[in-house]
Amino acid sequence: MSSIILCTLIFGAYLFPLVAHGSSPNECYECFAHTSWEDCINKTISRTCERGDYMCIKGKISFSKNSKTEHIFFKTCANGNECMTYEKDGTQVPTCQDKKRQGYSVECSVTCCEDDKCNGAVQGQRVSGLLMFVSCVLAAKKLIWS
């Protein structure tokens, strides 16, 4: 029975920060690069978002003209309504609209998320939490059926 209590305490400690997040400013990763995702990742910093910018955004903008293609890789904080609009239709991103007006062929891809630092390269916290939960369930099952 003590294993069940231990698992409950450990899993509760994992979930508390996710539930308590509430209305406090989100933290997102931030980077900007023109060469690659690797370059962006190497320049990544952690940023506390301004109130109202409660989502994290990650995107890639590619624009071509006269056989020359350029890219912008980015991660940062974003306003929720704007972010969801950009995710549904990447061409709504202001930089994409500007490049299109300048005669470029444009491809814009954006993803948005609400958890702290969810726009990182690795979603390890979610995976480790799931593994911990499954382990606790299996341990509890073994204790109950033994």
C-alpha atoms as a PDB file:
ATOM      1  CA  MET A   1       0.000   0.000   0.000  1.00  0.00           C
ATOM      2  CA  SER A   2       2.901   2.382   0.645  1.00  0.00           C
ATOM      3  CA  SER A   3       3.878   2.131  -3.064  1.00  0.00           C
ATOM      4  CA  ILE A   4       0.472   3.501  -4.043  1.00  0.00           C
ATOM      5  CA  ILE A   5       0.864   6.445  -1.674  1.00  0.00           C
ATOM      6  CA  LEU A   6       4.399   7.084  -2.935  1.00  0.00           C
ATOM      7  CA  CYS A   7       3.247   6.987  -6.570  1.00  0.00           C
ATOM      8  CA  THR A   8       0.376   9.355  -5.772  1.00  0.00           C
ATOM      9  CA  LEU A   9       2.743  11.832  -4.114  1.00  0.00           C
ATOM     10  CA  ILE A  10       5.285  11.665  -6.951  1.00  0.00           C
ATOM     11  CA  PHE A  11       2.651  11.979  -9.674  1.00  0.00           C
ATOM     12  CA  GLY A  12       0.935  14.808  -7.760  1.00  0.00           C
ATOM     13  CA  ALA A  13       4.249  16.665  -7.528  1.00  0.00           C
ATOM     14  CA  TYR A  14       4.590  16.313 -11.296  1.00  0.00           C
ATOM     15  CA  LEU A  15       1.057  17.557 -12.018  1.00  0.00           C
ATOM     16  CA  PHE A  16       0.967  20.476  -9.546  1.00  0.00           C
ATOM     17  CA  PRO A  17       3.079  22.881 -11.645  1.00  0.00           C
ATOM     18  CA  LEU A  18       0.974  22.098 -14.714  1.00  0.00           C
ATOM     19  CA  VAL A  19      -2.310  22.797 -12.897  1.00  0.00           C
ATOM     20  CA  ALA A  20      -1.020  25.788 -10.918  1.00  0.00           C
ATOM     21  CA  HIS A  21       0.223  27.529 -14.073  1.00  0.00           C
ATOM     22  CA  GLY A  22      -3.055  29.499 -14.257  1.00  0.00           C
ATOM     23  CA  SER A  23      -2.778  33.133 -15.280  1.00  0.00           C
ATOM     24  CA  SER A  24       0.909  33.658 -14.557  1.00  0.00           C
ATOM     25  CA  PRO A  25       3.098  34.617 -17.517  1.00  0.00           C
ATOM     26  CA  ASN A  26       4.180  31.724 -19.672  1.00  0.00           C
ATOM     27  CA  GLU A  27       7.808  30.917 -20.385  1.00  0.00           C
ATOM     28  CA  CYS A  28       8.778  30.130 -23.946  1.00  0.00           C
ATOM     29  CA  TYR A  29      11.950  29.416 -25.813  1.00  0.00           C
ATOM     30  CA  GLU A  30      13.050  32.218 -28.116  1.00  0.00           C
ATOM     31  CA  CYS A  31      15.380  32.146 -31.094  1.00  0.00           C
ATOM     32  CA  PHE A  32      15.638  33.562 -34.598  1.00  0.00           C
ATOM     33  CA  ALA A  33      17.841  32.229 -37.408  1.00  0.00           C
ATOM     34  CA  HIS A  34      18.138  32.353 -41.183  1.00  0.00           C
ATOM     35  CA  THR A  35      20.209  29.219 -41.816  1.00  0.00           C
ATOM     36  CA  SER A  36      18.667  26.215 -40.010  1.00  0.00           C
ATOM     37  CA  TRP A  37      16.769  24.904 -37.001  1.00  0.00           C
ATOM     38  CA  GLU A  38      20.120  23.869 -35.542  1.00  0.00           C
ATOM     39  CA  ASP A  39      21.326  27.468 -35.722  1.00  0.00           C
ATOM     40  CA  CYS A  40      18.111  28.646 -34.051  1.00  0.00           C
ATOM     41  CA  ILE A  41      18.461  26.022 -31.316  1.00  0.00           C
ATOM     42  CA  ASN A  42      22.071  27.094 -30.686  1.00  0.00           C
ATOM     43  CA  LYS A  43      20.835  30.671 -30.133  1.00  0.00           C
ATOM     44  CA  THR A  44      17.868  29.689 -27.947  1.00  0.00           C
ATOM     45  CA  ILE A  45      17.140  31.548 -24.726  1.00  0.00           C
ATOM     46  CA  SER A  46      14.317  31.141 -22.213  1.00  0.00           C
ATOM     47  CA  ARG A  47      11.962  34.112 -22.071  1.00  0.00           C
ATOM     48  CA  THR A  48       9.178  35.090 -19.670  1.00  0.00           C
ATOM     49  CA  CYS A  49       6.304  36.265 -21.837  1.00  0.00           C
ATOM     50  CA  GLU A  50       4.416  39.522 -21.385  1.00  0.00           C
ATOM     51  CA  ARG A  51       0.870  39.317 -20.012  1.00  0.00           C
ATOM     52  CA  GLY A  52      -1.447  38.535 -22.896  1.00  0.00           C
ATOM     53  CA  ASP A  53       1.216  36.559 -24.731  1.00  0.00           C
ATOM     54  CA  TYR A  54       0.268  33.276 -23.106  1.00  0.00           C
ATOM     55  CA  MET A  55       1.181  30.967 -25.986  1.00  0.00           C
ATOM     56  CA  CYS A  56       4.488  29.776 -27.356  1.00  0.00           C
ATOM     57  CA  ILE A  57       4.977  29.783 -31.103  1.00  0.00           C
ATOM     58  CA  LYS A  58       7.407  27.937 -33.342  1.00  0.00           C
ATOM     59  CA  GLY A  59       7.593  28.521 -37.065  1.00  0.00           C
ATOM     60  CA  LYS A  60       9.451  28.436 -40.333  1.00  0.00           C
ATOM     61  CA  ILE A  61       9.013  30.929 -43.144  1.00  0.00           C
ATOM     62  CA  SER A  62      10.470  30.169 -46.574  1.00  0.00           C
ATOM     63  CA  PHE A  63      10.379  32.724 -49.358  1.00  0.00           C
ATOM     64  CA  SER A  64      11.688  32.488 -52.925  1.00  0.00           C
ATOM     65  CA  LYS A  65      12.268  34.942 -55.735  1.00  0.00           C
ATOM     66  CA  ASN A  66      14.448  34.702 -58.853  1.00  0.00           C
ATOM     67  CA  SER A  67      15.684  31.178 -57.984  1.00  0.00           C
ATOM     68  CA  LYS A  68      16.888  32.314 -54.546  1.00  0.00           C
ATOM     69  CA  THR A  69      15.276  30.836 -51.431  1.00  0.00           C
ATOM     70  CA  GLU A  70      15.643  32.252 -47.938  1.00  0.00           C
ATOM     71  CA  HIS A  71      14.347  30.995 -44.593  1.00  0.00           C
ATOM     72  CA  ILE A  72      13.431  32.344 -41.184  1.00  0.00           C
ATOM     73  CA  PHE A  73      13.309  29.906 -38.259  1.00  0.00           C
ATOM     74  CA  PHE A  74      11.793  31.243 -35.047  1.00  0.00           C
ATOM     75  CA  LYS A  75      10.476  30.464 -31.568  1.00  0.00           C
ATOM     76  CA  THR A  76       9.000  33.052 -29.200  1.00  0.00           C
ATOM     77  CA  CYS A  77       5.958  34.137 -27.157  1.00  0.00           C
ATOM     78  CA  ALA A  78       2.713  34.993 -28.920  1.00  0.00           C
ATOM     79  CA  ASN A  79      -0.762  36.375 -28.342  1.00  0.00           C
ATOM     80  CA  GLY A  80      -3.245  33.488 -28.193  1.00  0.00           C
ATOM     81  CA  ASN A  81      -5.717  34.716 -30.825  1.00  0.00           C
ATOM     82  CA  GLU A  82      -2.998  35.689 -33.275  1.00  0.00           C
ATOM     83  CA  CYS A  83      -1.117  32.442 -32.742  1.00  0.00           C
ATOM     84  CA  MET A  84      -4.186  30.303 -33.449  1.00  0.00           C
ATOM     85  CA  THR A  85      -4.891  32.340 -36.601  1.00  0.00           C
ATOM     86  CA  TYR A  86      -1.303  31.853 -37.789  1.00  0.00           C
ATOM     87  CA  GLU A  87      -1.442  28.128 -37.031  1.00  0.00           C
ATOM     88  CA  LYS A  88      -4.616  27.685 -39.106  1.00  0.00           C
ATOM     89  CA  ASP A  89      -3.335  29.847 -41.966  1.00  0.00           C
ATOM     90  CA  GLY A  90       0.403  30.528 -42.017  1.00  0.00           C
ATOM     91  CA  THR A  91      -0.034  33.165 -44.719  1.00  0.00           C
ATOM     92  CA  GLN A  92      -1.542  35.457 -42.041  1.00  0.00           C
ATOM     93  CA  VAL A  93       1.880  35.871 -40.365  1.00  0.00           C
ATOM     94  CA  PRO A  94       2.838  39.545 -41.009  1.00  0.00           C
ATOM     95  CA  THR A  95       6.281  38.643 -42.418  1.00  0.00           C
ATOM     96  CA  CYS A  96       4.619  36.213 -44.850  1.00  0.00           C
ATOM     97  CA  GLN A  97       2.196  38.900 -45.992  1.00  0.00           C
ATOM     98  CA  ASP A  98       5.033  41.424 -46.439  1.00  0.00           C
ATOM     99  CA  LYS A  99       7.130  39.009 -48.517  1.00  0.00           C
ATOM    100  CA  LYS A 100       4.124  38.056 -50.645  1.00  0.00           C
ATOM    101  CA  ARG A 101       3.418  41.755 -51.390  1.00  0.00           C
ATOM    102  CA  GLN A 102       7.086  42.079 -52.441  1.00  0.00           C
ATOM    103  CA  GLY A 103       6.549  39.374 -55.074  1.00  0.00           C
ATOM    104  CA  TYR A 104       8.043  36.404 -53.256  1.00  0.00           C
ATOM    105  CA  SER A 105       6.659  32.882 -53.357  1.00  0.00           C
ATOM    106  CA  VAL A 106       6.008  32.166 -49.673  1.00  0.00           C
ATOM    107  CA  GLU A 107       5.548  29.082 -47.468  1.00  0.00           C
ATOM    108  CA  CYS A 108       4.737  29.644 -43.797  1.00  0.00           C
ATOM    109  CA  SER A 109       4.376  26.948 -41.162  1.00  0.00           C
ATOM    110  CA  VAL A 110       3.482  27.746 -37.534  1.00  0.00           C
ATOM    111  CA  THR A 111       2.621  25.689 -34.443  1.00  0.00           C
ATOM    112  CA  CYS A 112       1.303  27.048 -31.146  1.00  0.00           C
ATOM    113  CA  CYS A 113       1.128  25.604 -27.637  1.00  0.00           C
ATOM    114  CA  GLU A 114       0.222  26.809 -24.118  1.00  0.00           C
ATOM    115  CA  ASP A 115       2.542  24.990 -21.693  1.00  0.00           C
ATOM    116  CA  ASP A 116       5.765  26.485 -20.366  1.00  0.00           C
ATOM    117  CA  LYS A 117       8.613  26.032 -22.844  1.00  0.00           C
ATOM    118  CA  CYS A 118       6.442  23.807 -25.032  1.00  0.00           C
ATOM    119  CA  ASN A 119       8.035  25.196 -28.206  1.00  0.00           C
ATOM    120  CA  GLY A 120      11.346  23.472 -27.486  1.00  0.00           C
ATOM    121  CA  ALA A 121      13.004  20.823 -29.586  1.00  0.00           C
ATOM    122  CA  VAL A 122      12.162  18.001 -27.182  1.00  0.00           C
ATOM    123  CA  GLN A 123       8.917  17.283 -25.373  1.00  0.00           C
ATOM    124  CA  GLY A 124      10.685  15.232 -22.692  1.00  0.00           C
ATOM    125  CA  GLN A 125       8.629  16.395 -19.709  1.00  0.00           C
ATOM    126  CA  ARG A 126       5.407  15.006 -21.184  1.00  0.00           C
ATOM    127  CA  VAL A 127       7.008  11.667 -22.016  1.00  0.00           C
ATOM    128  CA  SER A 128       8.634  11.297 -18.598  1.00  0.00           C
ATOM    129  CA  GLY A 129       5.330  12.149 -16.890  1.00  0.00           C
ATOM    130  CA  LEU A 130       3.484   9.538 -18.927  1.00  0.00           C
ATOM    131  CA  LEU A 131       6.120   6.912 -18.150  1.00  0.00           C
ATOM    132  CA  MET A 132       5.916   7.743 -14.453  1.00  0.00           C
ATOM    133  CA  PHE A 133       2.118   7.447 -14.522  1.00  0.00           C
ATOM    134  CA  VAL A 134       2.202   4.075 -16.316  1.00  0.00           C
ATOM    135  CA  SER A 135       4.839   2.783 -13.875  1.00  0.00           C
ATOM    136  CA  CYS A 136       2.694   3.812 -10.905  1.00  0.00           C
ATOM    137  CA  VAL A 137      -0.401   2.143 -12.375  1.00  0.00           C
ATOM    138  CA  LEU A 138       1.519  -1.083 -13.005  1.00  0.00           C
ATOM    139  CA  ALA A 139       2.984  -1.034  -9.479  1.00  0.00           C
ATOM    140  CA  ALA A 140      -0.463  -0.452  -7.965  1.00  0.00           C
ATOM    141  CA  LYS A 141      -1.957  -3.231 -10.097  1.00  0.00           C
ATOM    142  CA  LYS A 142       0.751  -5.648  -8.959  1.00  0.00           C
ATOM    143  CA  LEU A 143       0.115  -4.772  -5.291  1.00  0.00           C
ATOM    144  CA  ILE A 144      -3.648  -5.151  -5.618  1.00  0.00           C
ATOM    145  CA  TRP A 145      -3.517  -8.476  -7.488  1.00  0.00           C
ATOM    146  CA  SER A 146      -0.789  -9.990  -5.294  1.00  0.00           C
END
